[in-house]
Protein backbone atom coordinates (compact mmCIF):
# COMPACT_ATOMS: atom_id res chain seq x y z
CA UNK A 1 0.00 0.00 0.00
CA UNK A 2 1.33 3.40 -1.00
CA UNK A 3 -0.34 6.64 0.07
CA UNK A 4 -1.00 8.95 -2.89
CA UNK A 5 1.88 7.82 -5.12
CA UNK A 6 2.81 9.76 -8.22
CA UNK A 7 1.26 8.09 -11.28
CA UNK A 8 4.65 6.96 -12.56
CA UNK A 9 5.52 5.42 -9.16
CA UNK A 10 2.20 3.66 -8.50
CA UNK A 11 2.87 -0.04 -7.96
CA UNK A 12 -0.48 -1.08 -9.46
CA UNK A 13 -3.77 0.23 -10.80
CA UNK A 14 -5.59 -0.69 -7.58
CA UNK A 15 -6.77 1.92 -5.09
CA UNK A 16 -7.83 1.90 -1.45
CA UNK A 17 -11.22 3.56 -1.12
CA UNK A 18 -10.92 4.38 2.55
CA UNK A 19 -13.39 2.09 4.29
CA UNK A 20 -11.75 -0.22 6.79
CA UNK A 21 -12.59 -2.82 9.40
CA UNK A 22 -9.44 -3.13 11.48
CA UNK A 23 -8.43 -4.79 14.72
CA UNK A 24 -7.70 -2.58 17.75
CA UNK A 25 -3.97 -3.22 17.25
CA UNK A 26 -3.99 -0.50 14.59
CA UNK A 27 -4.19 2.17 17.32
CA UNK A 28 -0.91 1.00 18.88
CA UNK A 29 0.72 1.25 15.46
CA UNK A 30 -0.72 4.69 14.79
CA UNK A 31 0.72 5.97 18.09
CA UNK A 32 4.22 5.14 16.85
CA UNK A 33 3.66 5.91 13.15
CA UNK A 34 6.00 8.52 11.67
CA UNK A 35 4.84 11.14 9.21
CA UNK A 36 4.27 9.97 5.65
CA UNK A 37 2.82 11.48 2.48
CA UNK A 38 1.99 15.15 2.86
CA UNK A 39 3.85 15.28 6.17
CA UNK A 40 0.88 13.58 7.87
CA UNK A 41 0.51 10.34 9.80
CA UNK A 42 -1.01 8.01 7.23
CA UNK A 43 -3.35 5.17 8.16
CA UNK A 44 -2.17 3.26 5.08
CA UNK A 45 1.40 3.29 6.44
CA UNK A 46 0.19 1.82 9.74
CA UNK A 47 -1.82 -0.82 7.86
CA UNK A 48 1.37 -1.80 6.00
CA UNK A 49 3.02 -2.34 9.38
CA UNK A 50 -0.01 -4.28 10.60
CA UNK A 51 0.62 -6.76 7.76
CA UNK A 52 3.80 -7.84 9.58
CA UNK A 53 1.67 -8.92 12.56
CA UNK A 54 -1.56 -10.27 11.10
CA UNK A 55 -3.49 -10.86 7.92
CA UNK A 56 -5.17 -7.87 6.32
CA UNK A 57 -7.87 -8.55 3.76
CA UNK A 58 -9.25 -6.44 0.94
CA UNK A 59 -12.42 -6.49 -1.10
CA UNK A 60 -11.91 -6.21 -4.85
CA UNK A 61 -14.57 -3.60 -5.64
CA UNK A 62 -15.98 -3.28 -9.13
CA UNK A 63 -18.20 -0.33 -9.88
CA UNK A 64 -18.18 3.42 -10.02
CA UNK A 65 -15.71 5.11 -7.68
CA UNK A 66 -16.33 8.54 -6.22
CA UNK A 67 -13.57 10.60 -4.62
CA UNK A 68 -15.65 12.07 -1.80
CA UNK A 69 -12.51 13.63 -0.32
CA UNK A 70 -12.64 15.99 -3.30
CA UNK A 71 -15.36 18.66 -3.25
CA UNK A 72 -16.54 18.01 -6.80
CA UNK A 73 -16.35 14.24 -6.30
CA UNK A 74 -18.63 14.61 -3.27
CA UNK A 75 -21.09 16.66 -5.33
CA UNK A 76 -21.09 14.08 -8.15
CA UNK A 77 -21.74 11.25 -5.68
CA UNK A 78 -24.57 13.18 -4.04
CA UNK A 79 -26.23 13.96 -7.37
CA UNK A 80 -25.82 10.44 -8.79
CA UNK A 81 -27.12 8.71 -5.67
CA UNK A 82 -30.02 11.11 -5.29
CA UNK A 83 -31.02 10.57 -8.93
CA UNK A 84 -30.99 6.81 -8.28
CA UNK A 85 -33.48 7.20 -5.43
CA UNK A 86 -37.10 6.94 -6.42
CA UNK A 87 -38.16 9.37 -3.67
CA UNK A 88 -35.67 12.08 -4.76
CA UNK A 89 -35.16 11.63 -8.50
CA UNK A 90 -37.88 13.97 -9.74
CA UNK A 91 -37.05 16.80 -7.32
CA UNK A 92 -33.31 16.64 -7.95
CA UNK A 93 -33.75 16.34 -11.72
CA UNK A 94 -36.07 19.36 -11.76
CA UNK A 95 -33.67 21.36 -9.58
CA UNK A 96 -30.76 20.62 -11.95
CA UNK A 97 -32.87 21.56 -14.97
CA UNK A 98 -33.94 24.81 -13.28
CA UNK A 99 -30.31 25.70 -12.55
CA UNK A 100 -29.17 24.93 -16.12
CA UNK A 101 -32.09 26.82 -17.69
CA UNK A 102 -31.58 29.90 -15.49
CA UNK A 103 -27.81 30.24 -15.99
PDB file of N, CA and C in Angstrom:
ATOM      1  N   UNK A   1       0.853  -1.180   0.000  1.00  0.00           N
ATOM      2  CA  UNK A   1       0.000   0.000   0.000  1.00  0.00           C
ATOM      3  C   UNK A   1       0.893   1.236   0.000  1.00  0.00           C
ATOM      4  N   UNK A   2       0.576   2.157  -0.877  1.00  0.00           N
ATOM      5  CA  UNK A   2       1.332   3.400  -0.996  1.00  0.00           C
ATOM      6  C   UNK A   2       0.341   4.552  -0.961  1.00  0.00           C
ATOM      7  N   UNK A   3       0.564   5.488  -0.058  1.00  0.00           N
ATOM      8  CA  UNK A   3      -0.339   6.637   0.072  1.00  0.00           C
ATOM      9  C   UNK A   3      -0.055   7.670  -1.011  1.00  0.00           C
ATOM     10  N   UNK A   4      -1.037   7.926  -1.842  1.00  0.00           N
ATOM     11  CA  UNK A   4      -0.998   8.951  -2.887  1.00  0.00           C
ATOM     12  C   UNK A   4       0.304   8.960  -3.687  1.00  0.00           C
ATOM     13  N   UNK A   5       0.635   7.831  -4.323  1.00  0.00           N
ATOM     14  CA  UNK A   5       1.876   7.817  -5.116  1.00  0.00           C
ATOM     15  C   UNK A   5       1.716   8.640  -6.391  1.00  0.00           C
ATOM     16  N   UNK A   6       2.839   9.125  -6.907  1.00  0.00           N
ATOM     17  CA  UNK A   6       2.815   9.765  -8.222  1.00  0.00           C
ATOM     18  C   UNK A   6       2.426   8.691  -9.224  1.00  0.00           C
ATOM     19  N   UNK A   7       1.750   9.054 -10.292  1.00  0.00           N
ATOM     20  CA  UNK A   7       1.260   8.087 -11.278  1.00  0.00           C
ATOM     21  C   UNK A   7       2.378   7.179 -11.756  1.00  0.00           C
ATOM     22  N   UNK A   8       3.539   7.759 -12.039  1.00  0.00           N
ATOM     23  CA  UNK A   8       4.654   6.956 -12.561  1.00  0.00           C
ATOM     24  C   UNK A   8       5.276   6.039 -11.510  1.00  0.00           C
ATOM     25  N   UNK A   9       4.973   6.253 -10.227  1.00  0.00           N
ATOM     26  CA  UNK A   9       5.521   5.416  -9.162  1.00  0.00           C
ATOM     27  C   UNK A   9       4.485   4.471  -8.553  1.00  0.00           C
ATOM     28  N   UNK A  10       3.268   4.527  -9.039  1.00  0.00           N
ATOM     29  CA  UNK A  10       2.203   3.665  -8.496  1.00  0.00           C
ATOM     30  C   UNK A  10       2.547   2.208  -8.781  1.00  0.00           C
ATOM     31  N   UNK A  11       2.506   1.359  -7.760  1.00  0.00           N
ATOM     32  CA  UNK A  11       2.873  -0.042  -7.960  1.00  0.00           C
ATOM     33  C   UNK A  11       1.804  -0.880  -8.660  1.00  0.00           C
ATOM     34  N   UNK A  12       0.602  -0.340  -8.796  1.00  0.00           N
ATOM     35  CA  UNK A  12      -0.476  -1.077  -9.463  1.00  0.00           C
ATOM     36  C   UNK A  12      -1.558  -0.085  -9.878  1.00  0.00           C
ATOM     37  N   UNK A  13      -2.629  -0.612 -10.450  1.00  0.00           N
ATOM     38  CA  UNK A  13      -3.775   0.228 -10.804  1.00  0.00           C
ATOM     39  C   UNK A  13      -4.893   0.083  -9.780  1.00  0.00           C
ATOM     40  N   UNK A  14      -4.612  -0.520  -8.644  1.00  0.00           N
ATOM     41  CA  UNK A  14      -5.591  -0.688  -7.577  1.00  0.00           C
ATOM     42  C   UNK A  14      -5.564   0.527  -6.657  1.00  0.00           C
ATOM     43  N   UNK A  15      -6.683   0.792  -6.014  1.00  0.00           N
ATOM     44  CA  UNK A  15      -6.775   1.916  -5.088  1.00  0.00           C
ATOM     45  C   UNK A  15      -7.484   1.480  -3.819  1.00  0.00           C
ATOM     46  N   UNK A  16      -7.136   2.112  -2.724  1.00  0.00           N
ATOM     47  CA  UNK A  16      -7.827   1.902  -1.454  1.00  0.00           C
ATOM     48  C   UNK A  16      -8.883   2.991  -1.354  1.00  0.00           C
ATOM     49  N   UNK A  17     -10.125   2.596  -1.129  1.00  0.00           N
ATOM     50  CA  UNK A  17     -11.222   3.560  -1.123  1.00  0.00           C
ATOM     51  C   UNK A  17     -11.499   4.158   0.245  1.00  0.00           C
ATOM     52  N   UNK A  18     -10.810   3.706   1.273  1.00  0.00           N
ATOM     53  CA  UNK A  18     -10.916   4.381   2.550  1.00  0.00           C
ATOM     54  C   UNK A  18     -12.002   3.898   3.485  1.00  0.00           C
ATOM     55  N   UNK A  19     -12.455   2.687   3.331  1.00  0.00           N
ATOM     56  CA  UNK A  19     -13.385   2.094   4.289  1.00  0.00           C
ATOM     57  C   UNK A  19     -12.700   0.863   4.854  1.00  0.00           C
ATOM     58  N   UNK A  20     -12.535   0.829   6.179  1.00  0.00           N
ATOM     59  CA  UNK A  20     -11.750  -0.221   6.793  1.00  0.00           C
ATOM     60  C   UNK A  20     -12.493  -0.859   7.962  1.00  0.00           C
ATOM     61  N   UNK A  21     -12.228  -2.119   8.172  1.00  0.00           N
ATOM     62  CA  UNK A  21     -12.594  -2.823   9.398  1.00  0.00           C
ATOM     63  C   UNK A  21     -11.270  -3.378   9.904  1.00  0.00           C
ATOM     64  N   UNK A  22     -10.760  -2.791  10.979  1.00  0.00           N
ATOM     65  CA  UNK A  22      -9.436  -3.131  11.482  1.00  0.00           C
ATOM     66  C   UNK A  22      -9.501  -3.590  12.924  1.00  0.00           C
ATOM     67  N   UNK A  23      -8.515  -4.355  13.322  1.00  0.00           N
ATOM     68  CA  UNK A  23      -8.427  -4.795  14.716  1.00  0.00           C
ATOM     69  C   UNK A  23      -7.898  -3.641  15.571  1.00  0.00           C
ATOM     70  N   UNK A  24      -8.147  -3.663  16.874  1.00  0.00           N
ATOM     71  CA  UNK A  24      -7.700  -2.576  17.755  1.00  0.00           C
ATOM     72  C   UNK A  24      -6.179  -2.360  17.746  1.00  0.00           C
ATOM     73  N   UNK A  25      -5.429  -3.340  17.292  1.00  0.00           N
ATOM     74  CA  UNK A  25      -3.967  -3.217  17.254  1.00  0.00           C
ATOM     75  C   UNK A  25      -3.514  -2.041  16.370  1.00  0.00           C
ATOM     76  N   UNK A  26      -4.350  -1.613  15.468  1.00  0.00           N
ATOM     77  CA  UNK A  26      -3.986  -0.501  14.586  1.00  0.00           C
ATOM     78  C   UNK A  26      -3.703   0.771  15.387  1.00  0.00           C
ATOM     79  N   UNK A  27      -4.378   0.961  16.522  1.00  0.00           N
ATOM     80  CA  UNK A  27      -4.187   2.170  17.319  1.00  0.00           C
ATOM     81  C   UNK A  27      -2.789   2.227  17.922  1.00  0.00           C
ATOM     82  N   UNK A  28      -2.283   1.081  18.360  1.00  0.00           N
ATOM     83  CA  UNK A  28      -0.909   1.003  18.876  1.00  0.00           C
ATOM     84  C   UNK A  28       0.086   1.400  17.773  1.00  0.00           C
ATOM     85  N   UNK A  29      -0.165   0.921  16.581  1.00  0.00           N
ATOM     86  CA  UNK A  29       0.725   1.247  15.465  1.00  0.00           C
ATOM     87  C   UNK A  29       0.628   2.719  15.076  1.00  0.00           C
ATOM     88  N   UNK A  30      -0.562   3.277  15.110  1.00  0.00           N
ATOM     89  CA  UNK A  30      -0.725   4.693  14.789  1.00  0.00           C
ATOM     90  C   UNK A  30      -0.010   5.592  15.795  1.00  0.00           C
ATOM     91  N   UNK A  31       0.037   5.171  17.067  1.00  0.00           N
ATOM     92  CA  UNK A  31       0.716   5.967  18.091  1.00  0.00           C
ATOM     93  C   UNK A  31       2.205   6.097  17.814  1.00  0.00           C
ATOM     94  N   UNK A  32       2.782   5.125  17.125  1.00  0.00           N
ATOM     95  CA  UNK A  32       4.215   5.140  16.845  1.00  0.00           C
ATOM     96  C   UNK A  32       4.520   5.390  15.367  1.00  0.00           C
ATOM     97  N   UNK A  33       3.496   5.713  14.597  1.00  0.00           N
ATOM     98  CA  UNK A  33       3.663   5.911  13.147  1.00  0.00           C
ATOM     99  C   UNK A  33       4.302   7.268  12.868  1.00  0.00           C
ATOM    100  N   UNK A  34       5.372   7.264  12.095  1.00  0.00           N
ATOM    101  CA  UNK A  34       5.997   8.518  11.672  1.00  0.00           C
ATOM    102  C   UNK A  34       5.178   9.171  10.574  1.00  0.00           C
ATOM    103  N   UNK A  35       5.539  10.399  10.257  1.00  0.00           N
ATOM    104  CA  UNK A  35       4.841  11.138   9.205  1.00  0.00           C
ATOM    105  C   UNK A  35       5.149  10.525   7.843  1.00  0.00           C
ATOM    106  N   UNK A  36       4.134  10.521   6.995  1.00  0.00           N
ATOM    107  CA  UNK A  36       4.271   9.969   5.653  1.00  0.00           C
ATOM    108  C   UNK A  36       3.942  11.007   4.610  1.00  0.00           C
ATOM    109  N   UNK A  37       3.200  10.594   3.592  1.00  0.00           N
ATOM    110  CA  UNK A  37       2.824  11.484   2.482  1.00  0.00           C
ATOM    111  C   UNK A  37       2.174  12.753   3.013  1.00  0.00           C
ATOM    112  N   UNK A  38       2.573  13.877   2.459  1.00  0.00           N
ATOM    113  CA  UNK A  38       1.993  15.150   2.861  1.00  0.00           C
ATOM    114  C   UNK A  38       2.405  15.601   4.251  1.00  0.00           C
ATOM    115  N   UNK A  39       3.408  14.922   4.833  1.00  0.00           N
ATOM    116  CA  UNK A  39       3.850  15.280   6.174  1.00  0.00           C
ATOM    117  C   UNK A  39       2.847  14.917   7.255  1.00  0.00           C
ATOM    118  N   UNK A  40       1.927  13.992   6.941  1.00  0.00           N
ATOM    119  CA  UNK A  40       0.881  13.582   7.873  1.00  0.00           C
ATOM    120  C   UNK A  40       1.070  12.122   8.269  1.00  0.00           C
ATOM    121  N   UNK A  41       0.548  11.754   9.408  1.00  0.00           N
ATOM    122  CA  UNK A  41       0.514  10.341   9.799  1.00  0.00           C
ATOM    123  C   UNK A  41      -0.538   9.674   8.928  1.00  0.00           C
ATOM    124  N   UNK A  42      -0.128   8.667   8.185  1.00  0.00           N
ATOM    125  CA  UNK A  42      -1.013   8.011   7.232  1.00  0.00           C
ATOM    126  C   UNK A  42      -1.475   6.654   7.758  1.00  0.00           C
ATOM    127  N   UNK A  43      -2.783   6.450   7.758  1.00  0.00           N
ATOM    128  CA  UNK A  43      -3.353   5.167   8.156  1.00  0.00           C
ATOM    129  C   UNK A  43      -2.814   4.050   7.269  1.00  0.00           C
ATOM    130  N   UNK A  44      -2.662   4.314   5.982  1.00  0.00           N
ATOM    131  CA  UNK A  44      -2.167   3.264   5.081  1.00  0.00           C
ATOM    132  C   UNK A  44      -0.775   2.792   5.486  1.00  0.00           C
ATOM    133  N   UNK A  45       0.069   3.693   5.988  1.00  0.00           N
ATOM    134  CA  UNK A  45       1.402   3.289   6.440  1.00  0.00           C
ATOM    135  C   UNK A  45       1.303   2.370   7.661  1.00  0.00           C
ATOM    136  N   UNK A  46       0.386   2.671   8.563  1.00  0.00           N
ATOM    137  CA  UNK A  46       0.194   1.821   9.741  1.00  0.00           C
ATOM    138  C   UNK A  46      -0.388   0.464   9.334  1.00  0.00           C
ATOM    139  N   UNK A  47      -1.266   0.449   8.341  1.00  0.00           N
ATOM    140  CA  UNK A  47      -1.819  -0.819   7.861  1.00  0.00           C
ATOM    141  C   UNK A  47      -0.711  -1.676   7.260  1.00  0.00           C
ATOM    142  N   UNK A  48       0.214  -1.058   6.537  1.00  0.00           N
ATOM    143  CA  UNK A  48       1.366  -1.796   6.000  1.00  0.00           C
ATOM    144  C   UNK A  48       2.149  -2.467   7.124  1.00  0.00           C
ATOM    145  N   UNK A  49       2.324  -1.768   8.228  1.00  0.00           N
ATOM    146  CA  UNK A  49       3.025  -2.340   9.381  1.00  0.00           C
ATOM    147  C   UNK A  49       2.191  -3.446  10.026  1.00  0.00           C
ATOM    148  N   UNK A  50       0.880  -3.276  10.032  1.00  0.00           N
ATOM    149  CA  UNK A  50      -0.005  -4.283  10.603  1.00  0.00           C
ATOM    150  C   UNK A  50       0.136  -5.614   9.864  1.00  0.00           C
ATOM    151  N   UNK A  51       0.428  -5.543   8.569  1.00  0.00           N
ATOM    152  CA  UNK A  51       0.622  -6.756   7.756  1.00  0.00           C
ATOM    153  C   UNK A  51       1.748  -7.643   8.292  1.00  0.00           C
ATOM    154  N   UNK A  52       2.706  -7.050   8.996  1.00  0.00           N
ATOM    155  CA  UNK A  52       3.796  -7.835   9.582  1.00  0.00           C
ATOM    156  C   UNK A  52       3.323  -8.646  10.779  1.00  0.00           C
ATOM    157  N   UNK A  53       2.178  -8.282  11.336  1.00  0.00           N
ATOM    158  CA  UNK A  53       1.675  -8.925  12.556  1.00  0.00           C
ATOM    159  C   UNK A  53       0.472  -9.831  12.323  1.00  0.00           C
ATOM    160  N   UNK A  54      -0.333  -9.502  11.322  1.00  0.00           N
ATOM    161  CA  UNK A  54      -1.562 -10.270  11.100  1.00  0.00           C
ATOM    162  C   UNK A  54      -2.032 -10.093   9.667  1.00  0.00           C
ATOM    163  N   UNK A  55      -2.935 -10.941   9.271  1.00  0.00           N
ATOM    164  CA  UNK A  55      -3.488 -10.859   7.919  1.00  0.00           C
ATOM    165  C   UNK A  55      -4.378  -9.624   7.806  1.00  0.00           C
ATOM    166  N   UNK A  56      -4.309  -8.999   6.660  1.00  0.00           N
ATOM    167  CA  UNK A  56      -5.171  -7.871   6.324  1.00  0.00           C
ATOM    168  C   UNK A  56      -5.825  -8.226   5.003  1.00  0.00           C
ATOM    169  N   UNK A  57      -7.127  -8.138   4.945  1.00  0.00           N
ATOM    170  CA  UNK A  57      -7.868  -8.554   3.762  1.00  0.00           C
ATOM    171  C   UNK A  57      -8.459  -7.351   3.043  1.00  0.00           C
ATOM    172  N   UNK A  58      -8.661  -7.510   1.750  1.00  0.00           N
ATOM    173  CA  UNK A  58      -9.249  -6.445   0.939  1.00  0.00           C
ATOM    174  C   UNK A  58     -10.419  -7.008   0.153  1.00  0.00           C
ATOM    175  N   UNK A  59     -11.299  -6.131  -0.242  1.00  0.00           N
ATOM    176  CA  UNK A  59     -12.416  -6.493  -1.100  1.00  0.00           C
ATOM    177  C   UNK A  59     -12.165  -5.876  -2.469  1.00  0.00           C
ATOM    178  N   UNK A  60     -12.157  -6.681  -3.495  1.00  0.00           N
ATOM    179  CA  UNK A  60     -11.915  -6.210  -4.853  1.00  0.00           C
ATOM    180  C   UNK A  60     -13.215  -5.631  -5.400  1.00  0.00           C
ATOM    181  N   UNK A  61     -13.355  -4.331  -5.280  1.00  0.00           N
ATOM    182  CA  UNK A  61     -14.567  -3.604  -5.642  1.00  0.00           C
ATOM    183  C   UNK A  61     -14.613  -3.355  -7.143  1.00  0.00           C
ATOM    184  N   UNK A  62     -15.752  -3.632  -7.736  1.00  0.00           N
ATOM    185  CA  UNK A  62     -15.979  -3.284  -9.135  1.00  0.00           C
ATOM    186  C   UNK A  62     -17.216  -2.414  -9.192  1.00  0.00           C
ATOM    187  N   UNK A  63     -17.083  -1.260  -9.792  1.00  0.00           N
ATOM    188  CA  UNK A  63     -18.199  -0.333  -9.876  1.00  0.00           C
ATOM    189  C   UNK A  63     -17.682   1.070 -10.034  1.00  0.00           C
ATOM    190  N   UNK A  64     -18.554   2.021  -9.870  1.00  0.00           N
ATOM    191  CA  UNK A  64     -18.177   3.423 -10.020  1.00  0.00           C
ATOM    192  C   UNK A  64     -17.552   3.925  -8.728  1.00  0.00           C
ATOM    193  N   UNK A  65     -16.431   4.582  -8.845  1.00  0.00           N
ATOM    194  CA  UNK A  65     -15.715   5.106  -7.684  1.00  0.00           C
ATOM    195  C   UNK A  65     -15.902   6.615  -7.622  1.00  0.00           C
ATOM    196  N   UNK A  66     -16.208   7.108  -6.445  1.00  0.00           N
ATOM    197  CA  UNK A  66     -16.328   8.542  -6.215  1.00  0.00           C
ATOM    198  C   UNK A  66     -15.246   8.971  -5.243  1.00  0.00           C
ATOM    199  N   UNK A  67     -14.561  10.049  -5.535  1.00  0.00           N
ATOM    200  CA  UNK A  67     -13.570  10.600  -4.615  1.00  0.00           C
ATOM    201  C   UNK A  67     -14.288  11.624  -3.743  1.00  0.00           C
ATOM    202  N   UNK A  68     -14.872  11.161  -2.636  1.00  0.00           N
ATOM    203  CA  UNK A  68     -15.651  12.069  -1.798  1.00  0.00           C
ATOM    204  C   UNK A  68     -14.760  12.917  -0.896  1.00  0.00           C
ATOM    205  N   UNK A  69     -13.438  12.737  -0.993  1.00  0.00           N
ATOM    206  CA  UNK A  69     -12.511  13.629  -0.321  1.00  0.00           C
ATOM    207  C   UNK A  69     -12.254  14.876  -1.151  1.00  0.00           C
ATOM    208  N   UNK A  70     -12.736  14.861  -2.372  1.00  0.00           N
ATOM    209  CA  UNK A  70     -12.636  15.988  -3.299  1.00  0.00           C
ATOM    210  C   UNK A  70     -14.008  16.653  -3.351  1.00  0.00           C
ATOM    211  N   UNK A  71     -14.064  17.968  -3.303  1.00  0.00           N
ATOM    212  CA  UNK A  71     -15.362  18.661  -3.248  1.00  0.00           C
ATOM    213  C   UNK A  71     -16.262  18.297  -4.427  1.00  0.00           C
ATOM    214  N   UNK A  72     -15.705  18.320  -5.645  1.00  0.00           N
ATOM    215  CA  UNK A  72     -16.542  18.010  -6.804  1.00  0.00           C
ATOM    216  C   UNK A  72     -16.920  16.529  -6.824  1.00  0.00           C
ATOM    217  N   UNK A  73     -16.025  15.661  -6.386  1.00  0.00           N
ATOM    218  CA  UNK A  73     -16.352  14.241  -6.297  1.00  0.00           C
ATOM    219  C   UNK A  73     -17.513  13.989  -5.349  1.00  0.00           C
ATOM    220  N   UNK A  74     -17.532  14.719  -4.241  1.00  0.00           N
ATOM    221  CA  UNK A  74     -18.628  14.611  -3.275  1.00  0.00           C
ATOM    222  C   UNK A  74     -19.941  15.054  -3.909  1.00  0.00           C
ATOM    223  N   UNK A  75     -19.887  16.157  -4.663  1.00  0.00           N
ATOM    224  CA  UNK A  75     -21.094  16.659  -5.332  1.00  0.00           C
ATOM    225  C   UNK A  75     -21.599  15.642  -6.352  1.00  0.00           C
ATOM    226  N   UNK A  76     -20.689  15.076  -7.157  1.00  0.00           N
ATOM    227  CA  UNK A  76     -21.093  14.083  -8.155  1.00  0.00           C
ATOM    228  C   UNK A  76     -21.744  12.872  -7.482  1.00  0.00           C
ATOM    229  N   UNK A  77     -21.162  12.400  -6.392  1.00  0.00           N
ATOM    230  CA  UNK A  77     -21.736  11.252  -5.684  1.00  0.00           C
ATOM    231  C   UNK A  77     -23.125  11.580  -5.161  1.00  0.00           C
ATOM    232  N   UNK A  78     -23.279  12.768  -4.584  1.00  0.00           N
ATOM    233  CA  UNK A  78     -24.567  13.175  -4.036  1.00  0.00           C
ATOM    234  C   UNK A  78     -25.628  13.241  -5.132  1.00  0.00           C
ATOM    235  N   UNK A  79     -25.273  13.845  -6.262  1.00  0.00           N
ATOM    236  CA  UNK A  79     -26.232  13.958  -7.368  1.00  0.00           C
ATOM    237  C   UNK A  79     -26.579  12.576  -7.911  1.00  0.00           C
ATOM    238  N   UNK A  80     -25.565  11.768  -8.206  1.00  0.00           N
ATOM    239  CA  UNK A  80     -25.822  10.444  -8.787  1.00  0.00           C
ATOM    240  C   UNK A  80     -26.677   9.581  -7.872  1.00  0.00           C
ATOM    241  N   UNK A  81     -26.353   9.556  -6.589  1.00  0.00           N
ATOM    242  CA  UNK A  81     -27.121   8.711  -5.673  1.00  0.00           C
ATOM    243  C   UNK A  81     -28.531   9.247  -5.466  1.00  0.00           C
ATOM    244  N   UNK A  82     -28.668  10.566  -5.452  1.00  0.00           N
ATOM    245  CA  UNK A  82     -30.020  11.112  -5.287  1.00  0.00           C
ATOM    246  C   UNK A  82     -30.868  10.842  -6.523  1.00  0.00           C
ATOM    247  N   UNK A  83     -30.265  10.875  -7.711  1.00  0.00           N
ATOM    248  CA  UNK A  83     -31.024  10.571  -8.927  1.00  0.00           C
ATOM    249  C   UNK A  83     -31.403   9.096  -9.007  1.00  0.00           C
ATOM    250  N   UNK A  84     -30.664   8.241  -8.321  1.00  0.00           N
ATOM    251  CA  UNK A  84     -30.990   6.810  -8.284  1.00  0.00           C
ATOM    252  C   UNK A  84     -32.103   6.486  -7.292  1.00  0.00           C
ATOM    253  N   UNK A  85     -32.434   7.436  -6.430  1.00  0.00           N
ATOM    254  CA  UNK A  85     -33.482   7.205  -5.426  1.00  0.00           C
ATOM    255  C   UNK A  85     -34.831   7.605  -5.988  1.00  0.00           C
ATOM    256  N   UNK A  86     -35.754   6.686  -5.904  1.00  0.00           N
ATOM    257  CA  UNK A  86     -37.102   6.936  -6.420  1.00  0.00           C
ATOM    258  C   UNK A  86     -37.760   8.128  -5.729  1.00  0.00           C
ATOM    259  N   UNK A  87     -37.516   8.296  -4.427  1.00  0.00           N
ATOM    260  CA  UNK A  87     -38.162   9.373  -3.671  1.00  0.00           C
ATOM    261  C   UNK A  87     -37.525  10.746  -3.903  1.00  0.00           C
ATOM    262  N   UNK A  88     -36.348  10.810  -4.541  1.00  0.00           N
ATOM    263  CA  UNK A  88     -35.669  12.084  -4.764  1.00  0.00           C
ATOM    264  C   UNK A  88     -35.457  12.430  -6.230  1.00  0.00           C
ATOM    265  N   UNK A  89     -35.521  11.443  -7.086  1.00  0.00           N
ATOM    266  CA  UNK A  89     -35.158  11.630  -8.498  1.00  0.00           C
ATOM    267  C   UNK A  89     -35.839  12.830  -9.141  1.00  0.00           C
ATOM    268  N   UNK A  90     -37.152  12.904  -9.049  1.00  0.00           N
ATOM    269  CA  UNK A  90     -37.883  13.970  -9.740  1.00  0.00           C
ATOM    270  C   UNK A  90     -37.504  15.357  -9.217  1.00  0.00           C
ATOM    271  N   UNK A  91     -37.391  15.499  -7.901  1.00  0.00           N
ATOM    272  CA  UNK A  91     -37.046  16.797  -7.319  1.00  0.00           C
ATOM    273  C   UNK A  91     -35.632  17.224  -7.709  1.00  0.00           C
ATOM    274  N   UNK A  92     -34.692  16.306  -7.627  1.00  0.00           N
ATOM    275  CA  UNK A  92     -33.307  16.638  -7.951  1.00  0.00           C
ATOM    276  C   UNK A  92     -33.173  16.935  -9.434  1.00  0.00           C
ATOM    277  N   UNK A  93     -33.797  16.128 -10.275  1.00  0.00           N
ATOM    278  CA  UNK A  93     -33.747  16.336 -11.717  1.00  0.00           C
ATOM    279  C   UNK A  93     -34.312  17.706 -12.079  1.00  0.00           C
ATOM    280  N   UNK A  94     -35.450  18.061 -11.486  1.00  0.00           N
ATOM    281  CA  UNK A  94     -36.067  19.364 -11.758  1.00  0.00           C
ATOM    282  C   UNK A  94     -35.155  20.492 -11.279  1.00  0.00           C
ATOM    283  N   UNK A  95     -34.562  20.330 -10.128  1.00  0.00           N
ATOM    284  CA  UNK A  95     -33.668  21.359  -9.582  1.00  0.00           C
ATOM    285  C   UNK A  95     -32.470  21.578 -10.522  1.00  0.00           C
ATOM    286  N   UNK A  96     -31.891  20.507 -11.025  1.00  0.00           N
ATOM    287  CA  UNK A  96     -30.761  20.620 -11.948  1.00  0.00           C
ATOM    288  C   UNK A  96     -31.204  21.308 -13.236  1.00  0.00           C
ATOM    289  N   UNK A  97     -32.345  20.922 -13.750  1.00  0.00           N
ATOM    290  CA  UNK A  97     -32.868  21.560 -14.974  1.00  0.00           C
ATOM    291  C   UNK A  97     -33.131  23.047 -14.750  1.00  0.00           C
ATOM    292  N   UNK A  98     -33.690  23.397 -13.591  1.00  0.00           N
ATOM    293  CA  UNK A  98     -33.940  24.806 -13.278  1.00  0.00           C
ATOM    294  C   UNK A  98     -32.625  25.602 -13.229  1.00  0.00           C
ATOM    295  N   UNK A  99     -31.615  25.016 -12.641  1.00  0.00           N
ATOM    296  CA  UNK A  99     -30.306  25.697 -12.547  1.00  0.00           C
ATOM    297  C   UNK A  99     -29.733  25.907 -13.949  1.00  0.00           C
ATOM    298  N   UNK A 100     -29.754  24.848 -14.763  1.00  0.00           N
ATOM    299  CA  UNK A 100     -29.174  24.925 -16.121  1.00  0.00           C
ATOM    300  C   UNK A 100     -29.946  25.930 -16.966  1.00  0.00           C
ATOM    301  N   UNK A 101     -31.254  25.927 -16.876  1.00  0.00           N
ATOM    302  CA  UNK A 101     -32.090  26.821 -17.687  1.00  0.00           C
ATOM    303  C   UNK A 101     -31.999  28.280 -17.254  1.00  0.00           C
ATOM    304  N   UNK A 102     -31.644  28.526 -16.005  1.00  0.00           N
ATOM    305  CA  UNK A 102     -31.579  29.905 -15.490  1.00  0.00           C
ATOM    306  C   UNK A 102     -30.167  30.473 -15.499  1.00  0.00           C
ATOM    307  N   UNK A 103     -29.211  29.735 -15.977  1.00  0.00           N
ATOM    308  CA  UNK A 103     -27.810  30.242 -15.992  1.00  0.00           C
ATOM    309  C   UNK A 103     -27.414  30.678 -17.362  1.00  0.00           C
TER     310      UNK A 103
END
